[in-house]
Amino acid sequence: MNPLLLFLALNLPERLESIGDFRSAAAEYLREGDTASAARALLSLGDTGEALRLLSGSADTPSLILKARIYLSQWRISEAMDLLGSIRASGLADSLRVLARIMLMDFSGAEEESRGDSGLLGVIGFAKETAPLLYSPVSAARLSCLPGLGQFYADEPLEGIWALAVNAVVLGFISYSIYRGYKVDRSYYMDALLAYNFFFNRFYSGAAASAEHTAREKNRALLERWLERIAKEKGFDPIGR
């Protein structure tokens, strides 16, 4: 066989990747039994679901590390830490463990995971200095005992005004129906009951759920920007953010 053709055949998956044919590259990696590289090629296409499916039955270190990277990118921190706990000390695994602790804002735990590495300790120190102040989803929900107050706490005043206005209108209708039931006809009591069950109950509890969700989403955005800053200024990006 021509040596050049043999060389091209042996390096086919890498060459397919180099021209952007990641799906075919993944198929070739699988043909060679390299599951981790096949999953990595699929990730280049944004096909995270298929990549995780390929990695589901693999227990080799490259596959476990890649799976942990995917989990951390999805904020599935506990699952990532479970995987990383089964991997012996290695540079990338240690960096991922440190990142997981930083994402939890467990800086003392991150320092333990760094194993005294000066570079990682520098990253942890920077992360601690620049850590954002987060909203409390529990406080946002509790403050919503007055609808809208939780949204104001989460710096979403327009959502707060809307929640307060909707609940005020429904409560006003209920109060008016009770008054009409007392003064005019008891059938208005049924209107009040229906409005309470189908509108006020929903919007009142919905205001708390919405405020809690808003606080969580705000926290996620703050943490993402924080991690991007760490990656940019300290060059620490073990998940390829």
Protein backbone atom coordinates (compact mmCIF):
# COMPACT_ATOMS: atom_id res chain seq x y z
CA MET A 1 0.00 0.00 0.00
CA ASN A 2 1.19 3.49 -0.79
CA PRO A 3 2.82 4.94 2.43
CA LEU A 4 1.13 8.30 1.82
CA LEU A 5 -2.31 6.70 1.58
CA LEU A 6 -1.57 4.70 4.72
CA PHE A 7 -0.54 7.88 6.53
CA LEU A 8 -3.71 9.66 5.43
CA ALA A 9 -5.86 6.73 6.53
CA LEU A 10 -4.20 6.60 9.94
CA ASN A 11 -4.83 10.31 10.50
CA LEU A 12 -8.29 10.43 8.92
CA PRO A 13 -10.30 11.56 12.02
CA GLU A 14 -7.92 14.44 12.71
CA ARG A 15 -8.01 15.50 9.08
CA LEU A 16 -11.80 15.39 9.04
CA GLU A 17 -11.82 17.61 12.13
CA SER A 18 -9.40 20.03 10.51
CA ILE A 19 -11.83 20.62 7.63
CA GLY A 20 -14.81 20.92 9.98
CA ASP A 21 -16.47 17.57 9.23
CA PHE A 22 -16.95 16.75 12.90
CA ARG A 23 -19.77 14.25 12.42
CA SER A 24 -17.65 12.07 10.14
CA ALA A 25 -14.67 12.54 12.44
CA ALA A 26 -16.77 11.26 15.35
CA ALA A 27 -17.74 8.20 13.33
CA GLU A 28 -14.09 7.48 12.52
CA TYR A 29 -13.04 7.92 16.15
CA LEU A 30 -15.74 5.45 17.15
CA ARG A 31 -14.48 3.02 14.50
CA GLU A 32 -11.07 3.26 16.17
CA GLY A 33 -12.60 2.78 19.63
CA ASP A 34 -11.78 6.30 20.84
CA THR A 35 -15.05 7.28 22.53
CA ALA A 36 -13.70 10.41 24.25
CA SER A 37 -12.42 11.91 20.97
CA ALA A 38 -15.70 11.05 19.24
CA ALA A 39 -17.65 12.84 21.98
CA ARG A 40 -15.29 15.81 21.77
CA ALA A 41 -15.92 16.06 18.01
CA LEU A 42 -19.67 16.03 18.63
CA LEU A 43 -19.27 18.79 21.20
CA SER A 44 -17.66 20.90 18.48
CA LEU A 45 -21.02 20.63 16.70
CA GLY A 46 -22.89 21.60 19.86
CA ASP A 47 -24.43 18.11 20.11
CA THR A 48 -24.07 17.77 23.88
CA GLY A 49 -26.84 15.20 24.24
CA GLU A 50 -25.26 12.75 21.79
CA ALA A 51 -21.82 13.33 23.32
CA LEU A 52 -23.15 12.43 26.78
CA ARG A 53 -24.86 9.36 25.33
CA LEU A 54 -21.55 8.14 23.94
CA LEU A 55 -19.79 8.77 27.23
CA SER A 56 -22.46 7.14 29.40
CA GLY A 57 -20.86 3.68 29.41
CA SER A 58 -17.21 4.77 29.42
CA ALA A 59 -15.10 4.64 32.56
CA ASP A 60 -11.67 5.56 31.15
CA THR A 61 -10.09 8.73 32.51
CA PRO A 62 -10.37 10.88 29.31
CA SER A 63 -14.09 10.05 29.05
CA LEU A 64 -14.74 10.79 32.73
CA ILE A 65 -12.90 14.10 32.50
CA LEU A 66 -14.80 15.13 29.36
CA LYS A 67 -18.10 14.18 30.97
CA ALA A 68 -17.20 16.20 34.08
CA ARG A 69 -16.38 19.20 31.87
CA ILE A 70 -19.81 18.94 30.24
CA TYR A 71 -21.54 18.69 33.62
CA LEU A 72 -19.71 21.75 34.92
CA SER A 73 -20.66 23.74 31.81
CA GLN A 74 -24.28 22.81 32.61
CA TRP A 75 -23.89 23.70 36.30
CA ARG A 76 -24.45 20.07 37.32
CA ILE A 77 -21.75 20.52 39.92
CA SER A 78 -22.51 17.63 42.29
CA GLU A 79 -22.57 15.14 39.39
CA ALA A 80 -19.26 16.49 38.09
CA MET A 81 -17.66 16.21 41.53
CA ASP A 82 -18.83 12.60 41.85
CA LEU A 83 -17.07 11.77 38.59
CA LEU A 84 -13.92 13.70 39.48
CA GLY A 85 -13.75 11.94 42.84
CA SER A 86 -13.08 8.66 41.03
CA ILE A 87 -10.13 10.08 39.07
CA ARG A 88 -6.63 10.01 40.47
CA ALA A 89 -4.69 13.23 40.79
CA SER A 90 -3.93 14.78 37.42
CA GLY A 91 -3.46 18.31 36.17
CA LEU A 92 -6.80 18.69 34.38
CA ALA A 93 -8.79 16.72 36.98
CA ASP A 94 -7.32 18.91 39.76
CA SER A 95 -8.20 22.06 37.80
CA LEU A 96 -11.77 20.83 37.30
CA ARG A 97 -12.09 20.02 41.00
CA VAL A 98 -10.87 23.52 41.86
CA LEU A 99 -13.32 25.04 39.37
CA ALA A 100 -16.20 23.05 40.87
CA ARG A 101 -15.35 24.41 44.33
CA ILE A 102 -15.04 27.95 42.99
CA MET A 103 -18.46 27.65 41.33
CA LEU A 104 -19.84 26.73 44.75
CA MET A 105 -17.85 29.63 46.29
CA ASP A 106 -16.18 27.06 48.56
CA PHE A 107 -12.78 28.72 48.52
CA SER A 108 -11.30 26.74 51.40
CA GLY A 109 -12.32 23.53 49.63
CA ALA A 110 -10.78 24.87 46.41
CA GLU A 111 -7.49 25.48 48.21
CA GLU A 112 -7.49 21.88 49.45
CA GLU A 113 -8.16 20.61 45.92
CA SER A 114 -5.28 22.71 44.55
CA ARG A 115 -2.74 20.46 46.33
CA GLY A 116 -0.54 23.49 46.95
CA ASP A 117 -0.20 24.38 43.26
CA SER A 118 0.86 28.04 43.21
CA GLY A 119 -0.92 28.74 39.91
CA LEU A 120 -4.22 27.35 41.17
CA LEU A 121 -3.82 29.15 44.49
CA GLY A 122 -3.40 32.41 42.57
CA VAL A 123 -6.61 31.72 40.66
CA ILE A 124 -8.45 30.94 43.90
CA GLY A 125 -7.20 34.15 45.51
CA PHE A 126 -8.38 36.19 42.52
CA ALA A 127 -11.74 34.41 42.54
CA LYS A 128 -12.20 35.16 46.24
CA GLU A 129 -11.39 38.86 45.73
CA THR A 130 -13.76 39.27 42.78
CA ALA A 131 -16.64 37.02 43.91
CA PRO A 132 -20.01 38.68 43.18
CA LEU A 133 -22.69 39.32 45.77
CA LEU A 134 -25.56 36.99 45.02
CA TYR A 135 -29.30 37.31 45.58
CA SER A 136 -31.06 34.98 47.97
CA PRO A 137 -33.83 33.07 46.17
CA VAL A 138 -35.34 32.21 49.56
CA SER A 139 -35.48 35.89 50.55
CA ALA A 140 -36.99 36.79 47.17
CA ALA A 141 -39.75 34.23 47.70
CA ARG A 142 -40.42 35.29 51.29
CA LEU A 143 -40.54 38.98 50.43
CA SER A 144 -43.26 38.14 47.92
CA CYS A 145 -45.74 37.88 50.78
CA LEU A 146 -46.30 41.39 49.42
CA PRO A 147 -46.50 40.62 45.67
CA GLY A 148 -43.82 42.43 43.70
CA LEU A 149 -41.47 43.03 46.61
CA GLY A 150 -39.41 39.95 45.72
CA GLN A 151 -38.93 41.25 42.18
CA PHE A 152 -37.86 44.65 43.53
CA TYR A 153 -35.31 42.84 45.71
CA ALA A 154 -33.98 41.08 42.59
CA ASP A 155 -33.62 44.44 40.79
CA GLU A 156 -36.53 43.86 38.43
CA PRO A 157 -38.82 46.81 39.28
CA LEU A 158 -41.02 46.50 36.18
CA GLU A 159 -41.77 42.86 37.01
CA GLY A 160 -42.47 43.94 40.59
CA ILE A 161 -44.90 46.65 39.52
CA TRP A 162 -46.68 44.17 37.23
CA ALA A 163 -46.97 41.52 39.96
CA LEU A 164 -48.29 44.09 42.45
CA ALA A 165 -50.76 45.56 39.95
CA VAL A 166 -52.20 42.19 38.86
CA ASN A 167 -52.65 40.98 42.41
CA ALA A 168 -54.16 44.33 43.46
CA VAL A 169 -56.70 44.22 40.62
CA VAL A 170 -57.76 40.65 41.40
CA LEU A 171 -57.93 41.37 45.13
CA GLY A 172 -59.98 44.47 44.40
CA PHE A 173 -62.43 42.43 42.32
CA ILE A 174 -62.74 39.85 45.12
CA SER A 175 -63.38 42.58 47.69
CA TYR A 176 -65.97 44.22 45.43
CA SER A 177 -67.73 40.88 44.86
CA ILE A 178 -67.88 40.21 48.60
CA TYR A 179 -69.31 43.67 49.17
CA ARG A 180 -71.92 43.14 46.42
CA GLY A 181 -72.75 39.76 47.87
CA TYR A 182 -73.39 41.35 51.25
CA LYS A 183 -75.37 44.32 49.89
CA VAL A 184 -77.13 43.00 46.79
CA ASP A 185 -77.13 39.29 46.06
CA ARG A 186 -75.34 36.37 47.67
CA SER A 187 -74.55 34.97 44.23
CA TYR A 188 -71.69 37.49 44.10
CA TYR A 189 -69.96 35.43 46.79
CA MET A 190 -69.49 32.75 44.12
CA ASP A 191 -67.72 35.29 41.89
CA ALA A 192 -65.41 36.11 44.77
CA LEU A 193 -64.70 32.43 45.43
CA LEU A 194 -64.00 31.71 41.77
CA ALA A 195 -61.72 34.73 41.44
CA TYR A 196 -59.83 33.64 44.54
CA ASN A 197 -59.39 30.03 43.39
CA PHE A 198 -58.57 30.66 39.76
CA PHE A 199 -56.83 34.03 39.78
CA PHE A 200 -55.65 35.40 43.11
CA ASN A 201 -54.34 32.07 44.39
CA ARG A 202 -52.44 31.56 41.16
CA PHE A 203 -51.02 35.06 40.82
CA TYR A 204 -50.17 35.36 44.51
CA SER A 205 -48.21 32.11 44.68
CA GLY A 206 -46.90 32.79 41.17
CA ALA A 207 -45.35 36.06 42.31
CA ALA A 208 -43.24 34.18 44.88
CA ALA A 209 -42.21 31.51 42.37
CA SER A 210 -41.37 34.16 39.77
CA ALA A 211 -39.27 36.17 42.24
CA GLU A 212 -37.36 33.04 43.28
CA HIS A 213 -36.75 32.11 39.63
CA THR A 214 -35.61 35.65 38.82
CA ALA A 215 -33.12 35.61 41.70
CA ARG A 216 -31.69 32.27 40.53
CA GLU A 217 -31.35 33.48 36.94
CA LYS A 218 -29.69 36.70 38.09
CA ASN A 219 -27.24 34.66 40.17
CA ARG A 220 -26.46 32.41 37.20
CA ALA A 221 -25.71 35.45 35.00
CA LEU A 222 -23.51 37.01 37.70
CA LEU A 223 -21.58 33.76 38.17
CA GLU A 224 -21.14 33.26 34.42
CA ARG A 225 -19.67 36.76 34.04
CA TRP A 226 -17.44 36.12 37.06
CA LEU A 227 -16.10 32.86 35.61
CA GLU A 228 -15.54 34.55 32.24
CA ARG A 229 -13.53 37.25 34.02
CA ILE A 230 -11.43 34.60 35.78
CA ALA A 231 -10.82 32.88 32.43
CA LYS A 232 -9.87 36.15 30.74
CA GLU A 233 -7.67 37.66 33.43
CA LYS A 234 -6.12 34.51 34.92
CA GLY A 235 -6.26 32.15 31.93
CA PHE A 236 -8.14 29.58 34.00
CA ASP A 237 -10.71 27.84 31.81
CA PRO A 238 -10.56 24.04 32.22
CA ILE A 239 -13.98 23.48 30.62
CA GLY A 240 -13.26 25.50 27.49
CA ARG A 241 -15.75 28.24 28.25
